Amino acid sequence: MGKAKTLIPVIRMAVTNKNSESNSQFGRGVASLCLGVRQLGSLNAAAKEMKMAYSKAWRIIKETEAALDMQLLNRDGAHGSTLTDEGNKLLDAYLEIDERLQKFAEEEFAKLMK
């Protein structure tokens, strides 16, 4: 197998609204922002941790909410943000499926590279 031992597949998953005309999706970036909000209590803090401008994070969240027809965040002004119940459920499902897909891909890749 040689140098191939260090290779791993990278799976990119996204959730989209099949009825939306928007190209916005709930993917790795939006999931990271939502996870940051969950852990840090604000979109601003999550954006800073990702080295992203707050205005860009805000735009991404708003576009994704519009595309999915689902509110992801509860905003409380200066007191920060929390995920909505739907936002939490979507994030948990996304993270679980992403982890399963990554594990499956790594196992299959290893089998095929033998």
C-alpha atoms as a PDB file:
ATOM      1  CA  MET A   1       0.000   0.000   0.000  1.00  0.00           C
ATOM      2  CA  GLY A   2       3.006   2.319   0.511  1.00  0.00           C
ATOM      3  CA  LYS A   3       2.202   6.005   0.553  1.00  0.00           C
ATOM      4  CA  ALA A   4      -1.511   5.259   0.252  1.00  0.00           C
ATOM      5  CA  LYS A   5      -1.532   4.405   3.982  1.00  0.00           C
ATOM      6  CA  THR A   6      -1.766   8.103   4.739  1.00  0.00           C
ATOM      7  CA  LEU A   7      -4.709   8.723   2.397  1.00  0.00           C
ATOM      8  CA  ILE A   8      -8.275   9.036   3.650  1.00  0.00           C
ATOM      9  CA  PRO A   9     -11.462   9.971   1.820  1.00  0.00           C
ATOM     10  CA  VAL A  10     -13.164  13.230   2.766  1.00  0.00           C
ATOM     11  CA  ILE A  11     -16.932  13.170   2.612  1.00  0.00           C
ATOM     12  CA  ARG A  12     -18.871  16.417   2.199  1.00  0.00           C
ATOM     13  CA  MET A  13     -22.553  16.235   3.036  1.00  0.00           C
ATOM     14  CA  ALA A  14     -25.182  18.940   2.733  1.00  0.00           C
ATOM     15  CA  VAL A  15     -28.884  19.226   3.484  1.00  0.00           C
ATOM     16  CA  THR A  16     -31.012  21.250   1.111  1.00  0.00           C
ATOM     17  CA  ASN A  17     -34.661  22.073   0.580  1.00  0.00           C
ATOM     18  CA  LYS A  18     -35.738  20.404  -2.653  1.00  0.00           C
ATOM     19  CA  ASN A  19     -38.406  23.097  -3.107  1.00  0.00           C
ATOM     20  CA  SER A  20     -36.032  26.038  -2.720  1.00  0.00           C
ATOM     21  CA  GLU A  21     -34.658  27.967  -5.675  1.00  0.00           C
ATOM     22  CA  SER A  22     -31.688  29.024  -3.551  1.00  0.00           C
ATOM     23  CA  ASN A  23     -28.308  27.329  -3.701  1.00  0.00           C
ATOM     24  CA  SER A  24     -27.872  27.732   0.064  1.00  0.00           C
ATOM     25  CA  GLN A  25     -27.418  24.467   1.915  1.00  0.00           C
ATOM     26  CA  PHE A  26     -26.820  23.272   5.452  1.00  0.00           C
ATOM     27  CA  GLY A  27     -23.307  21.920   5.083  1.00  0.00           C
ATOM     28  CA  ARG A  28     -20.068  21.792   7.025  1.00  0.00           C
ATOM     29  CA  GLY A  29     -19.693  25.587   7.320  1.00  0.00           C
ATOM     30  CA  VAL A  30     -23.218  26.252   8.569  1.00  0.00           C
ATOM     31  CA  ALA A  31     -22.953  23.255  10.887  1.00  0.00           C
ATOM     32  CA  SER A  32     -19.724  24.698  12.315  1.00  0.00           C
ATOM     33  CA  LEU A  33     -21.407  28.062  12.912  1.00  0.00           C
ATOM     34  CA  CYS A  34     -24.367  26.378  14.616  1.00  0.00           C
ATOM     35  CA  LEU A  35     -22.082  24.224  16.741  1.00  0.00           C
ATOM     36  CA  GLY A  36     -20.215  27.378  17.745  1.00  0.00           C
ATOM     37  CA  VAL A  37     -23.476  29.056  18.737  1.00  0.00           C
ATOM     38  CA  ARG A  38     -24.407  25.995  20.776  1.00  0.00           C
ATOM     39  CA  GLN A  39     -21.053  25.935  22.552  1.00  0.00           C
ATOM     40  CA  LEU A  40     -20.326  29.667  22.864  1.00  0.00           C
ATOM     41  CA  GLY A  41     -23.798  31.180  23.128  1.00  0.00           C
ATOM     42  CA  SER A  42     -23.537  33.692  20.299  1.00  0.00           C
ATOM     43  CA  LEU A  43     -23.155  33.903  16.550  1.00  0.00           C
ATOM     44  CA  ASN A  44     -20.557  36.641  16.990  1.00  0.00           C
ATOM     45  CA  ALA A  45     -18.369  34.395  19.173  1.00  0.00           C
ATOM     46  CA  ALA A  46     -18.826  31.484  16.765  1.00  0.00           C
ATOM     47  CA  ALA A  47     -17.828  33.668  13.810  1.00  0.00           C
ATOM     48  CA  LYS A  48     -14.752  34.978  15.647  1.00  0.00           C
ATOM     49  CA  GLU A  49     -13.654  31.444  16.499  1.00  0.00           C
ATOM     50  CA  MET A  50     -13.912  30.563  12.797  1.00  0.00           C
ATOM     51  CA  LYS A  51     -12.018  33.767  11.890  1.00  0.00           C
ATOM     52  CA  MET A  52     -15.060  34.976   9.976  1.00  0.00           C
ATOM     53  CA  ALA A  53     -16.626  38.409   9.959  1.00  0.00           C
ATOM     54  CA  TYR A  54     -19.866  38.555  11.937  1.00  0.00           C
ATOM     55  CA  SER A  55     -21.612  40.124   8.939  1.00  0.00           C
ATOM     56  CA  LYS A  56     -20.653  37.147   6.775  1.00  0.00           C
ATOM     57  CA  ALA A  57     -21.817  34.651   9.425  1.00  0.00           C
ATOM     58  CA  TRP A  58     -25.109  36.542   9.780  1.00  0.00           C
ATOM     59  CA  ARG A  59     -25.623  36.506   5.986  1.00  0.00           C
ATOM     60  CA  ILE A  60     -24.854  32.776   5.758  1.00  0.00           C
ATOM     61  CA  ILE A  61     -27.310  31.939   8.539  1.00  0.00           C
ATOM     62  CA  LYS A  62     -30.063  34.157   7.094  1.00  0.00           C
ATOM     63  CA  GLU A  63     -29.615  32.713   3.568  1.00  0.00           C
ATOM     64  CA  THR A  64     -29.639  29.171   4.900  1.00  0.00           C
ATOM     65  CA  GLU A  65     -32.726  29.798   7.016  1.00  0.00           C
ATOM     66  CA  ALA A  66     -34.518  31.235   3.985  1.00  0.00           C
ATOM     67  CA  ALA A  67     -33.463  28.349   1.737  1.00  0.00           C
ATOM     68  CA  LEU A  68     -34.461  25.688   4.264  1.00  0.00           C
ATOM     69  CA  ASP A  69     -37.621  27.566   5.310  1.00  0.00           C
ATOM     70  CA  MET A  70     -36.534  26.948   8.899  1.00  0.00           C
ATOM     71  CA  GLN A  71     -35.319  29.229  11.669  1.00  0.00           C
ATOM     72  CA  LEU A  72     -31.999  27.947  13.007  1.00  0.00           C
ATOM     73  CA  LEU A  73     -31.246  30.558  15.659  1.00  0.00           C
ATOM     74  CA  ASN A  74     -33.118  32.351  18.411  1.00  0.00           C
ATOM     75  CA  ARG A  75     -31.558  35.809  18.605  1.00  0.00           C
ATOM     76  CA  ASP A  76     -31.565  37.750  21.859  1.00  0.00           C
ATOM     77  CA  GLY A  77     -29.766  40.924  20.820  1.00  0.00           C
ATOM     78  CA  ALA A  78     -26.838  41.727  23.077  1.00  0.00           C
ATOM     79  CA  HIS A  79     -27.483  38.531  25.048  1.00  0.00           C
ATOM     80  CA  GLY A  80     -26.386  36.257  22.211  1.00  0.00           C
ATOM     81  CA  SER A  81     -28.106  33.461  20.347  1.00  0.00           C
ATOM     82  CA  THR A  82     -29.221  29.905  20.865  1.00  0.00           C
ATOM     83  CA  LEU A  83     -30.272  27.223  18.438  1.00  0.00           C
ATOM     84  CA  THR A  84     -33.971  26.688  17.960  1.00  0.00           C
ATOM     85  CA  ASP A  85     -35.364  23.223  18.658  1.00  0.00           C
ATOM     86  CA  GLU A  86     -35.416  22.606  14.891  1.00  0.00           C
ATOM     87  CA  GLY A  87     -31.886  23.966  14.583  1.00  0.00           C
ATOM     88  CA  ASN A  88     -30.651  21.619  17.312  1.00  0.00           C
ATOM     89  CA  LYS A  89     -32.404  18.650  15.731  1.00  0.00           C
ATOM     90  CA  LEU A  90     -30.997  19.439  12.275  1.00  0.00           C
ATOM     91  CA  LEU A  91     -27.471  19.957  13.635  1.00  0.00           C
ATOM     92  CA  ASP A  92     -27.574  16.691  15.606  1.00  0.00           C
ATOM     93  CA  ALA A  93     -28.859  14.745  12.587  1.00  0.00           C
ATOM     94  CA  TYR A  94     -26.256  16.332  10.317  1.00  0.00           C
ATOM     95  CA  LEU A  95     -23.372  15.558  12.702  1.00  0.00           C
ATOM     96  CA  GLU A  96     -24.510  11.961  13.223  1.00  0.00           C
ATOM     97  CA  ILE A  97     -24.938  11.203   9.525  1.00  0.00           C
ATOM     98  CA  ASP A  98     -21.696  12.984   8.653  1.00  0.00           C
ATOM     99  CA  GLU A  99     -19.806  10.877  11.214  1.00  0.00           C
ATOM    100  CA  ARG A 100     -21.382   7.638   9.955  1.00  0.00           C
ATOM    101  CA  LEU A 101     -20.658   8.484   6.320  1.00  0.00           C
ATOM    102  CA  GLN A 102     -17.051   9.389   7.096  1.00  0.00           C
ATOM    103  CA  LYS A 103     -16.479   6.153   8.998  1.00  0.00           C
ATOM    104  CA  PHE A 104     -18.088   4.094   6.229  1.00  0.00           C
ATOM    105  CA  ALA A 105     -16.032   5.841   3.552  1.00  0.00           C
ATOM    106  CA  GLU A 106     -12.786   5.271   5.463  1.00  0.00           C
ATOM    107  CA  GLU A 107     -13.572   1.571   5.949  1.00  0.00           C
ATOM    108  CA  GLU A 108     -14.512   1.066   2.300  1.00  0.00           C
ATOM    109  CA  PHE A 109     -11.497   3.030   1.087  1.00  0.00           C
ATOM    110  CA  ALA A 110      -9.169   0.904   3.216  1.00  0.00           C
ATOM    111  CA  LYS A 111     -10.711  -2.304   1.796  1.00  0.00           C
ATOM    112  CA  LEU A 112     -10.393  -1.094  -1.787  1.00  0.00           C
ATOM    113  CA  MET A 113      -6.819   0.116  -1.349  1.00  0.00           C
ATOM    114  CA  LYS A 114      -5.528  -3.267  -0.082  1.00  0.00           C
END
